[in-house]
C-alpha cells in the first residue's frame, strides 16, 4: 500500500513539473520509471538531511 502511494506521489510531482522537461526527457522518464523513483527518493532524503543539518535551524 505505501509503495503504491509513494509511486503515485512521485508521478504527480513529475506531472506538476512537466514544463521543466523536454519531450525526450519525459519519454526517458516513462521508460525508466523504477530508476527515476529511486533518484527522486535519494534527492528527497538528501534534501531532508541537508535541511536537518542546516545552521539556520
Protein backbone atom coordinates (compact mmCIF):
# COMPACT_ATOMS: atom_id res chain seq x y z
CA UNK A 1 0.00 0.00 0.00
CA UNK A 2 2.71 2.50 0.95
CA UNK A 3 4.66 1.73 -2.21
CA UNK A 4 1.69 2.47 -4.45
CA UNK A 5 1.09 5.75 -2.62
CA UNK A 6 4.74 6.74 -2.99
CA UNK A 7 4.80 5.90 -6.70
CA UNK A 8 1.62 7.94 -7.21
CA UNK A 9 3.12 10.84 -5.28
CA UNK A 10 6.26 10.84 -7.43
CA UNK A 11 4.21 10.60 -10.61
CA UNK A 12 2.15 13.62 -9.52
CA UNK A 13 5.30 15.64 -8.83
CA UNK A 14 6.65 14.80 -12.29
CA UNK A 15 3.34 15.74 -13.93
CA UNK A 16 3.17 19.02 -11.99
CA UNK A 17 6.68 19.89 -13.14
CA UNK A 18 6.46 18.51 -16.68
CA UNK A 19 7.10 22.01 -18.06
CA UNK A 20 10.68 21.63 -16.81
CA UNK A 21 11.33 18.66 -19.12
CA UNK A 22 11.66 18.25 -22.86
CA UNK A 23 9.54 15.66 -24.66
CA UNK A 24 12.62 13.44 -24.93
CA UNK A 25 13.22 13.67 -21.20
CA UNK A 26 9.60 12.82 -20.43
CA UNK A 27 9.88 9.78 -22.71
CA UNK A 28 13.06 8.75 -20.87
CA UNK A 29 11.29 9.15 -17.52
CA UNK A 30 8.41 6.98 -18.72
CA UNK A 31 10.75 4.24 -19.93
CA UNK A 32 12.88 4.26 -16.76
CA UNK A 33 10.25 4.63 -14.06
CA UNK A 34 11.89 2.49 -11.36
CA UNK A 35 15.21 4.31 -11.72
CA UNK A 36 13.51 7.71 -11.67
CA UNK A 37 11.62 6.77 -8.49
CA UNK A 38 14.89 5.82 -6.79
CA UNK A 39 16.62 9.04 -7.88
CA UNK A 40 13.67 11.10 -6.64
CA UNK A 41 13.79 9.36 -3.27
CA UNK A 42 17.53 9.88 -2.97
CA UNK A 43 17.04 13.59 -3.66
CA UNK A 44 14.25 13.84 -1.10
CA UNK A 45 16.27 12.06 1.57
CA UNK A 46 19.37 14.14 0.82
CA UNK A 47 17.45 17.43 0.97
CA UNK A 48 15.84 16.40 4.25
CA UNK A 49 19.27 15.59 5.71
CA UNK A 50 20.72 18.90 4.47
CA UNK A 51 17.82 20.85 5.98
CA UNK A 52 18.06 18.94 9.25
CA UNK A 53 21.80 19.72 9.48
CA UNK A 54 21.35 23.33 8.42
CA UNK A 55 22.86 26.06 10.53
CA UNK A 56 19.67 28.07 10.10
CA UNK A 57 17.66 25.84 12.43
